[in-house]
Amino acid sequence: MKQTRKQSVHTKKLVLLAILSAIVAVLAYYGGFIKIGGLASISLTLIPVVIGSTLCGPMAGAWLGSVAGAIFFLTPDAAFWLGLSVPGTIITVMVKGAAAGWCAGAVYKLLESYNRYIAVVVSAIVCPVVNTGIFLLGSLIFFMDAVSAGATAEGVSVGGYLIVFFVGLNFVFELIANIAISPAMVKILDIVQKRNK
């Protein structure tokens, strides 16, 4: 039975989404072992989230962000956060991942007709901004006692403590890596797709 063009495109997106889900799972699990200061760890998981959200749509981005969130609970870092607040950790981790992926895909869709390259770059910026923004908001809502205690112990403001100790260089690294790698990977995948037609 011959596949229609629409079915073929759908199948290719499902395969790409499955591959990206596996990549996200591996990066989410092993990325937490590489630390840069305090609690921040180097994370490359948002790169495949951006790629999936741009090539497969906002819902695929939300799925990939949710996969990253779910895998987080298998890492050693999860114990610290779950010790502070189980519901707060679950809500913050799952919402930030899904929202970051969905927003990246939505921004891409919005800008795609204007300029595809710019759309990918802006998506690569939006994804870590939303991810970190929701993390900071979740920290203020669910982990304020820990944040206040840490800020007092360090002699800094609550805002300063959140930025330096909870986010640290992780956000900067994620932002730079996303801007540098995501557009290049999308371009490579586009070239491969065109050659396979």
Protein backbone atom coordinates (compact mmCIF):
# COMPACT_ATOMS: atom_id res chain seq x y z
CA MET A 1 0.00 0.00 0.00
CA LYS A 2 1.46 3.33 -1.10
CA GLN A 3 1.74 6.14 1.45
CA THR A 4 0.35 9.54 0.58
CA ARG A 5 2.67 12.53 0.80
CA LYS A 6 0.89 13.73 3.97
CA GLN A 7 1.30 10.32 5.62
CA SER A 8 4.97 10.27 4.63
CA VAL A 9 5.60 13.69 6.19
CA HIS A 10 3.73 12.61 9.33
CA THR A 11 5.80 9.41 9.57
CA LYS A 12 9.06 11.34 9.15
CA LYS A 13 8.04 13.75 11.92
CA LEU A 14 7.18 10.87 14.25
CA VAL A 15 10.55 9.22 13.57
CA LEU A 16 12.37 12.52 14.14
CA LEU A 17 10.41 13.08 17.34
CA ALA A 18 11.30 9.58 18.59
CA ILE A 19 15.00 10.13 17.86
CA LEU A 20 14.96 13.56 19.52
CA SER A 21 13.13 12.11 22.54
CA ALA A 22 15.92 9.57 22.99
CA ILE A 23 18.58 12.30 22.62
CA VAL A 24 16.75 14.50 25.16
CA ALA A 25 16.54 11.58 27.61
CA VAL A 26 20.28 10.87 27.37
CA LEU A 27 21.26 14.54 27.63
CA ALA A 28 18.86 15.16 30.52
CA TYR A 29 20.20 12.21 32.48
CA TYR A 30 23.93 12.64 31.87
CA GLY A 31 24.00 16.44 31.68
CA GLY A 32 23.29 16.70 35.41
CA PHE A 33 26.63 15.11 36.26
CA ILE A 34 28.65 18.03 34.86
CA LYS A 35 28.53 20.81 37.46
CA ILE A 36 29.43 24.46 37.11
CA GLY A 37 29.36 26.04 40.53
CA GLY A 38 26.74 25.43 43.23
CA LEU A 39 23.67 23.61 42.03
CA ALA A 40 23.85 24.52 38.34
CA SER A 41 24.72 21.81 35.89
CA ILE A 42 25.59 21.99 32.21
CA SER A 43 22.53 21.11 30.20
CA LEU A 44 22.29 20.59 26.45
CA THR A 45 18.75 19.21 26.59
CA LEU A 46 17.18 22.38 25.23
CA ILE A 47 18.98 22.01 21.89
CA PRO A 48 16.96 18.98 20.72
CA VAL A 49 13.87 20.61 22.26
CA VAL A 50 14.38 23.64 20.00
CA ILE A 51 15.10 21.43 16.99
CA GLY A 52 11.95 19.38 17.58
CA SER A 53 9.77 22.40 18.22
CA THR A 54 10.90 24.09 15.01
CA LEU A 55 10.73 21.04 12.75
CA CYS A 56 7.69 19.29 14.28
CA GLY A 57 5.69 22.08 15.93
CA PRO A 58 4.90 23.49 19.38
CA MET A 59 3.27 20.31 20.71
CA ALA A 60 6.39 18.32 19.80
CA GLY A 61 8.46 20.91 21.66
CA ALA A 62 6.18 20.56 24.69
CA TRP A 63 6.56 16.77 24.50
CA LEU A 64 10.36 16.96 24.33
CA GLY A 65 10.46 19.43 27.24
CA SER A 66 8.25 17.06 29.21
CA VAL A 67 10.59 14.15 28.45
CA ALA A 68 13.49 16.22 29.82
CA GLY A 69 11.43 17.01 32.92
CA ALA A 70 10.47 13.38 33.50
CA ILE A 71 14.09 12.21 33.14
CA PHE A 72 15.19 14.82 35.69
CA PHE A 73 13.48 12.74 38.40
CA LEU A 74 15.94 9.92 37.71
CA THR A 75 18.99 12.13 38.35
CA PRO A 76 20.81 12.75 41.64
CA ASP A 77 19.78 16.45 41.54
CA ALA A 78 16.12 15.46 41.94
CA ALA A 79 16.64 14.34 45.55
CA PHE A 80 17.69 17.84 46.63
CA TRP A 81 14.68 19.55 45.05
CA LEU A 82 12.20 16.85 46.08
CA GLY A 83 13.50 17.24 49.65
CA LEU A 84 12.45 20.89 49.55
CA SER A 85 8.98 20.30 48.08
CA VAL A 86 7.65 17.29 46.19
CA PRO A 87 4.67 19.06 44.56
CA GLY A 88 6.72 22.20 43.94
CA THR A 89 9.47 20.23 42.22
CA ILE A 90 7.07 18.23 40.06
CA ILE A 91 5.09 21.32 39.01
CA THR A 92 8.15 23.50 38.38
CA VAL A 93 10.15 20.88 36.46
CA MET A 94 7.30 19.65 34.27
CA VAL A 95 5.82 23.08 33.53
CA LYS A 96 9.16 24.70 32.70
CA GLY A 97 10.11 21.94 30.26
CA ALA A 98 6.76 21.77 28.48
CA ALA A 99 6.33 25.55 28.36
CA ALA A 100 9.87 26.16 27.07
CA GLY A 101 9.37 23.68 24.22
CA TRP A 102 5.88 24.90 23.36
CA CYS A 103 6.91 28.59 23.39
CA ALA A 104 9.93 27.88 21.17
CA GLY A 105 7.68 26.16 18.64
CA ALA A 106 5.01 28.88 18.80
CA VAL A 107 7.57 31.64 18.24
CA TYR A 108 9.05 29.69 15.34
CA LYS A 109 5.61 29.30 13.72
CA LEU A 110 4.96 33.00 14.19
CA LEU A 111 8.24 34.08 12.53
CA GLU A 112 8.75 31.25 10.01
CA SER A 113 7.08 33.05 7.08
CA TYR A 114 9.18 36.16 7.72
CA ASN A 115 12.60 34.47 7.84
CA ARG A 116 13.22 30.86 8.76
CA TYR A 117 16.77 31.40 10.07
CA ILE A 118 15.70 34.28 12.32
CA ALA A 119 12.75 32.18 13.50
CA VAL A 120 15.11 29.38 14.62
CA VAL A 121 17.48 31.82 16.35
CA VAL A 122 14.63 33.53 18.21
CA SER A 123 13.24 30.11 19.20
CA ALA A 124 16.70 29.16 20.46
CA ILE A 125 16.64 32.28 22.64
CA VAL A 126 13.05 31.89 23.84
CA CYS A 127 13.48 28.27 24.98
CA PRO A 128 16.13 28.85 27.70
CA VAL A 129 14.58 32.19 28.70
CA VAL A 130 11.19 30.54 29.36
CA ASN A 131 12.86 27.51 30.98
CA THR A 132 14.90 29.64 33.38
CA GLY A 133 12.10 32.15 33.97
CA ILE A 134 9.66 29.45 35.07
CA PHE A 135 12.39 27.85 37.20
CA LEU A 136 12.96 31.17 38.98
CA LEU A 137 9.22 31.70 39.42
CA GLY A 138 8.83 28.16 40.77
CA SER A 139 11.73 28.78 43.15
CA LEU A 140 10.03 31.89 44.51
CA ILE A 141 6.67 30.16 44.87
CA PHE A 142 7.68 26.73 46.17
CA PHE A 143 11.20 27.04 47.58
CA MET A 144 11.16 30.49 49.23
CA ASP A 145 12.23 29.17 52.64
CA ALA A 146 15.35 27.56 51.13
CA VAL A 147 16.03 30.61 48.97
CA SER A 148 15.70 33.00 51.94
CA ALA A 149 17.89 30.80 54.17
CA GLY A 150 20.56 30.53 51.48
CA ALA A 151 20.48 34.26 50.78
CA THR A 152 20.82 35.05 54.50
CA ALA A 153 23.72 32.60 54.89
CA GLU A 154 25.52 34.16 51.92
CA GLY A 155 24.68 37.74 52.95
CA VAL A 156 23.05 38.61 49.61
CA SER A 157 19.56 39.53 48.43
CA VAL A 158 17.04 36.85 47.53
CA GLY A 159 17.16 37.89 43.87
CA GLY A 160 20.95 37.84 43.84
CA TYR A 161 21.00 34.43 45.49
CA LEU A 162 18.56 33.01 42.91
CA ILE A 163 20.58 34.36 40.00
CA VAL A 164 24.03 33.43 41.30
CA PHE A 165 23.44 30.15 43.13
CA PHE A 166 20.37 28.61 41.49
CA VAL A 167 20.82 29.78 37.89
CA GLY A 168 24.48 30.78 37.76
CA LEU A 169 26.31 30.15 34.52
CA ASN A 170 23.85 27.46 33.46
CA PHE A 171 21.49 29.95 31.80
CA VAL A 172 24.32 31.71 29.97
CA PHE A 173 25.71 28.37 28.77
CA GLU A 174 22.25 27.14 27.63
CA LEU A 175 21.56 30.39 25.80
CA ILE A 176 24.90 30.45 23.96
CA ALA A 177 24.75 26.73 23.12
CA ASN A 178 21.20 27.05 21.81
CA ILE A 179 21.96 30.08 19.66
CA ALA A 180 25.10 28.45 18.24
CA ILE A 181 23.98 24.85 17.75
CA SER A 182 20.20 24.77 17.17
CA PRO A 183 20.10 26.82 13.93
CA ALA A 184 23.04 24.85 12.54
CA MET A 185 21.37 21.51 13.32
CA VAL A 186 18.06 22.61 11.80
CA LYS A 187 19.91 23.71 8.64
CA ILE A 188 21.74 20.36 8.44
CA LEU A 189 18.49 18.43 8.89
CA ASP A 190 16.85 20.55 6.17
CA ILE A 191 19.70 19.78 3.75
CA VAL A 192 19.48 16.06 4.52
CA GLN A 193 15.72 16.10 4.06
CA LYS A 194 15.99 17.87 0.68
CA ARG A 195 18.56 15.34 -0.55
CA ASN A 196 16.32 12.44 0.47
CA LYS A 197 13.36 13.70 -1.56
